[in-house]
């Protein structure tokens, strides 16, 4: 049985009661708290900034998993580290100097992740695996919660798992988008070991039960 990590995305949380929502997924057994940061440029919406991470950090000791869907992420890294991020993931598509930015994140004491949109080839990150702690594959086009899983990404998960194994990399293989009880087994079978779940957790009446259900489905493959 492989170790599975479930990371509820607070993008789907009730922002009027964010402290309560964070505590609920923490007590409900999540492994990571996933924070989607969007700038209205790389992806359509504008969501939250480092001030929100700073505000919620005292309410959980779980790993704070920050996903920067922004242009020029290198300008934002230090602020999110200071706010309390444990992992920071940047997009290959927004980084001219990808290796340099991943090394910057690590130098500040965080784990460094790299993310790919559904149409971006896995080969584009082959040469930065030496400084990557997490590979995040978008299984929807980034920008909005509640989208349906793009099944074509499953082959991409398999390709990424093979690439990580061939490189001897221990990086997490994270899947983000449309993860639900109907799709998590497919992604897990392909080689993913960590999963972002927004509406699949926050749109249920029992967060703990939803997290446990997702974990059990992912672990059984």
Protein backbone atom coordinates (compact mmCIF):
# COMPACT_ATOMS: atom_id res chain seq x y z
CA UNK A 1 0.00 0.00 0.00
CA UNK A 2 1.50 3.31 -1.05
CA UNK A 3 1.46 6.45 1.07
CA UNK A 4 -1.30 8.74 -0.19
CA UNK A 5 -1.56 12.45 0.53
CA UNK A 6 -4.89 14.27 0.37
CA UNK A 7 -4.73 18.05 0.02
CA UNK A 8 -8.09 19.83 0.16
CA UNK A 9 -8.03 23.09 -1.77
CA UNK A 10 -9.36 26.04 0.17
CA UNK A 11 -10.47 27.56 -3.14
CA UNK A 12 -13.73 25.70 -2.50
CA UNK A 13 -13.97 26.69 1.17
CA UNK A 14 -16.34 29.23 2.73
CA UNK A 15 -14.12 32.30 2.91
CA UNK A 16 -16.45 33.98 5.38
CA UNK A 17 -15.51 31.21 7.84
CA UNK A 18 -12.00 30.37 6.70
CA UNK A 19 -10.53 29.66 10.15
CA UNK A 20 -13.33 27.16 10.81
CA UNK A 21 -12.89 25.60 7.37
CA UNK A 22 -9.14 25.14 7.88
CA UNK A 23 -9.62 23.57 11.29
CA UNK A 24 -12.29 21.26 9.90
CA UNK A 25 -10.07 19.71 7.22
CA UNK A 26 -7.17 19.53 9.68
CA UNK A 27 -9.28 17.64 12.21
CA UNK A 28 -10.81 15.68 9.33
CA UNK A 29 -7.48 14.06 8.54
CA UNK A 30 -6.06 15.96 5.58
CA UNK A 31 -2.32 15.71 4.94
CA UNK A 32 -1.78 19.09 3.31
CA UNK A 33 -3.73 22.33 2.99
CA UNK A 34 -3.69 23.37 -0.67
CA UNK A 35 -3.70 27.11 -1.41
CA UNK A 36 -4.45 28.22 -4.98
CA UNK A 37 -2.94 31.61 -5.75
CA UNK A 38 -4.17 33.16 -9.02
CA UNK A 39 -3.27 36.52 -10.46
CA UNK A 40 -5.94 37.19 -13.08
CA UNK A 41 -3.27 37.10 -15.78
CA UNK A 42 -1.85 33.59 -16.13
CA UNK A 43 -5.28 32.29 -15.16
CA UNK A 44 -8.56 34.24 -15.26
CA UNK A 45 -9.54 34.79 -11.60
CA UNK A 46 -7.76 36.68 -8.85
CA UNK A 47 -7.85 34.69 -5.63
CA UNK A 48 -5.68 35.20 -2.55
CA UNK A 49 -2.24 36.41 -1.54
CA UNK A 50 0.41 35.77 1.07
CA UNK A 51 -1.63 37.67 3.68
CA UNK A 52 -4.21 34.87 3.69
CA UNK A 53 -1.52 32.23 4.14
CA UNK A 54 -0.16 34.25 7.07
CA UNK A 55 -3.66 34.49 8.56
CA UNK A 56 -4.43 30.77 8.37
CA UNK A 57 -0.98 29.48 9.33
CA UNK A 58 -1.66 29.61 13.11
CA UNK A 59 -4.76 27.44 12.71
CA UNK A 60 -3.09 24.30 11.39
CA UNK A 61 0.20 22.47 11.68
CA UNK A 62 -0.45 20.57 8.47
CA UNK A 63 1.77 21.16 5.46
CA UNK A 64 0.86 24.42 3.71
CA UNK A 65 0.93 23.56 0.01
CA UNK A 66 0.98 26.79 -2.02
CA UNK A 67 0.33 26.65 -5.76
CA UNK A 68 1.39 29.84 -7.54
CA UNK A 69 -0.62 30.20 -10.75
CA UNK A 70 0.93 33.58 -11.45
CA UNK A 71 3.18 35.36 -13.87
CA UNK A 72 6.71 36.05 -12.57
CA UNK A 73 6.40 33.73 -9.56
CA UNK A 74 10.00 34.44 -8.58
CA UNK A 75 8.82 37.83 -7.31
CA UNK A 76 6.31 36.20 -4.94
CA UNK A 77 8.28 33.31 -3.48
CA UNK A 78 9.90 35.07 -0.54
CA UNK A 79 6.62 36.61 0.65
CA UNK A 80 4.89 33.22 0.75
CA UNK A 81 7.83 31.62 2.56
CA UNK A 82 7.64 34.34 5.21
CA UNK A 83 3.87 33.83 5.45
CA UNK A 84 4.36 30.17 6.38
CA UNK A 85 4.34 28.06 3.21
CA UNK A 86 5.96 24.63 3.47
CA UNK A 87 5.83 23.81 -0.23
CA UNK A 88 5.65 26.23 -3.14
CA UNK A 89 4.76 25.05 -6.63
CA UNK A 90 5.36 27.19 -9.70
CA UNK A 91 4.31 26.70 -13.30
CA UNK A 92 6.77 25.72 -15.99
CA UNK A 93 4.77 27.92 -18.35
CA UNK A 94 5.47 31.11 -16.36
CA UNK A 95 9.17 30.63 -15.57
CA UNK A 96 11.88 31.73 -17.98
CA UNK A 97 14.50 30.59 -15.48
CA UNK A 98 12.76 27.56 -14.01
CA UNK A 99 15.78 25.91 -12.42
CA UNK A 100 16.84 29.16 -10.77
CA UNK A 101 13.40 29.72 -9.24
CA UNK A 102 13.15 26.16 -7.94
CA UNK A 103 16.56 26.55 -6.34
CA UNK A 104 15.43 29.85 -4.82
CA UNK A 105 12.45 28.16 -3.18
CA UNK A 106 14.68 25.45 -1.73
CA UNK A 107 17.26 27.97 -0.53
CA UNK A 108 14.54 29.63 1.55
CA UNK A 109 13.72 26.38 3.33
CA UNK A 110 10.67 25.22 1.36
CA UNK A 111 10.05 22.20 -0.79
CA UNK A 112 9.91 23.20 -4.46
CA UNK A 113 7.29 22.01 -6.91
CA UNK A 114 6.77 22.45 -10.63
CA UNK A 115 3.36 22.32 -12.29
CA UNK A 116 2.27 21.61 -15.86
CA UNK A 117 -0.97 22.57 -17.59
CA UNK A 118 -2.77 19.73 -19.41
CA UNK A 119 -1.25 20.55 -22.82
CA UNK A 120 2.35 21.07 -21.63
CA UNK A 121 4.65 18.11 -22.37
CA UNK A 122 6.22 16.28 -19.45
CA UNK A 123 9.59 16.44 -21.22
CA UNK A 124 9.81 20.17 -20.45
CA UNK A 125 10.71 19.45 -16.81
CA UNK A 126 13.10 16.54 -17.31
CA UNK A 127 16.16 18.72 -16.72
CA UNK A 128 14.94 20.21 -13.42
CA UNK A 129 14.06 17.01 -11.56
CA UNK A 130 17.28 17.32 -9.54
CA UNK A 131 15.84 20.35 -7.76
CA UNK A 132 12.16 19.36 -7.71
CA UNK A 133 10.38 17.92 -4.67
CA UNK A 134 6.94 17.76 -6.25
CA UNK A 135 5.51 17.52 -9.75
CA UNK A 136 1.95 18.81 -10.03
CA UNK A 137 -0.05 17.81 -13.09
CA UNK A 138 -3.15 19.86 -13.80
CA UNK A 139 -5.98 17.56 -14.78
CA UNK A 140 -8.18 20.54 -15.65
CA UNK A 141 -7.30 23.82 -17.31
CA UNK A 142 -6.32 25.98 -14.34
CA UNK A 143 -8.46 28.83 -13.15
CA UNK A 144 -11.73 27.57 -11.75
CA UNK A 145 -12.78 24.99 -9.20
CA UNK A 146 -15.41 22.34 -9.88
CA UNK A 147 -14.23 21.36 -13.37
CA UNK A 148 -14.32 17.81 -14.72
CA UNK A 149 -11.21 15.64 -14.80
CA UNK A 150 -9.52 15.50 -18.22
CA UNK A 151 -9.00 11.78 -18.76
CA UNK A 152 -6.30 12.37 -21.37
CA UNK A 153 -4.07 13.47 -18.47
CA UNK A 154 -4.03 9.90 -17.12
CA UNK A 155 -1.46 8.88 -19.74
CA UNK A 156 0.56 11.93 -18.75
CA UNK A 157 0.55 10.75 -15.14
CA UNK A 158 1.92 7.39 -16.30
CA UNK A 159 4.61 9.15 -18.34
CA UNK A 160 5.60 11.33 -15.41
CA UNK A 161 5.76 8.38 -13.02
CA UNK A 162 8.06 6.56 -15.44
CA UNK A 163 10.26 9.65 -15.78
CA UNK A 164 10.53 10.14 -12.01
CA UNK A 165 11.33 6.46 -11.45
CA UNK A 166 13.96 6.46 -14.20
CA UNK A 167 15.60 9.53 -12.63
CA UNK A 168 15.55 7.98 -9.17
CA UNK A 169 13.47 10.93 -7.99
CA UNK A 170 11.48 10.80 -4.76
CA UNK A 171 9.35 13.79 -5.78
CA UNK A 172 5.65 13.63 -5.02
CA UNK A 173 3.41 13.19 -8.06
CA UNK A 174 0.51 15.52 -7.39
CA UNK A 175 -2.73 15.65 -9.41
CA UNK A 176 -4.95 18.72 -9.30
CA UNK A 177 -8.33 19.11 -10.95
CA UNK A 178 -11.54 17.13 -11.00
CA UNK A 179 -10.33 14.72 -8.33
CA UNK A 180 -13.33 12.92 -6.85
CA UNK A 181 -14.37 9.44 -5.75
CA UNK A 182 -15.10 8.74 -9.43
CA UNK A 183 -11.62 9.71 -10.70
CA UNK A 184 -9.06 9.27 -7.93
CA UNK A 185 -8.58 5.54 -8.55
CA UNK A 186 -7.76 6.24 -12.19
CA UNK A 187 -5.14 8.84 -11.26
CA UNK A 188 -3.71 6.68 -8.49
CA UNK A 189 -3.47 3.64 -10.74
CA UNK A 190 -1.48 5.73 -13.21
CA UNK A 191 1.10 6.55 -10.54
CA UNK A 192 -0.03 9.64 -8.64
CA UNK A 193 0.50 9.65 -4.89
CA UNK A 194 -0.93 13.00 -3.81
CA UNK A 195 -4.21 14.62 -4.75
CA UNK A 196 -5.79 18.06 -4.59
CA UNK A 197 -9.50 17.87 -3.84
CA UNK A 198 -11.63 21.00 -3.61
CA UNK A 199 -15.34 20.50 -4.17
CA UNK A 200 -14.97 16.76 -3.50
CA UNK A 201 -14.32 17.70 0.13
CA UNK A 202 -15.83 21.12 0.71
CA UNK A 203 -19.10 20.40 -1.09
CA UNK A 204 -19.88 17.52 1.24
CA UNK A 205 -21.55 17.58 4.67
CA UNK A 206 -18.76 15.56 6.33
CA UNK A 207 -15.19 16.60 5.46
CA UNK A 208 -13.60 13.79 7.46
CA UNK A 209 -15.67 11.15 5.68
CA UNK A 210 -14.90 12.67 2.28
CA UNK A 211 -11.15 12.72 2.98
CA UNK A 212 -11.20 9.16 4.30
CA UNK A 213 -13.15 7.96 1.27
CA UNK A 214 -10.71 9.56 -1.17
CA UNK A 215 -7.74 8.12 0.70
CA UNK A 216 -9.18 4.60 0.78
CA UNK A 217 -9.93 4.66 -2.95
CA UNK A 218 -6.45 5.90 -3.81
CA UNK A 219 -4.70 3.43 -1.50
CA UNK A 220 -6.50 0.31 -2.72
CA UNK A 221 -5.07 0.37 -6.26
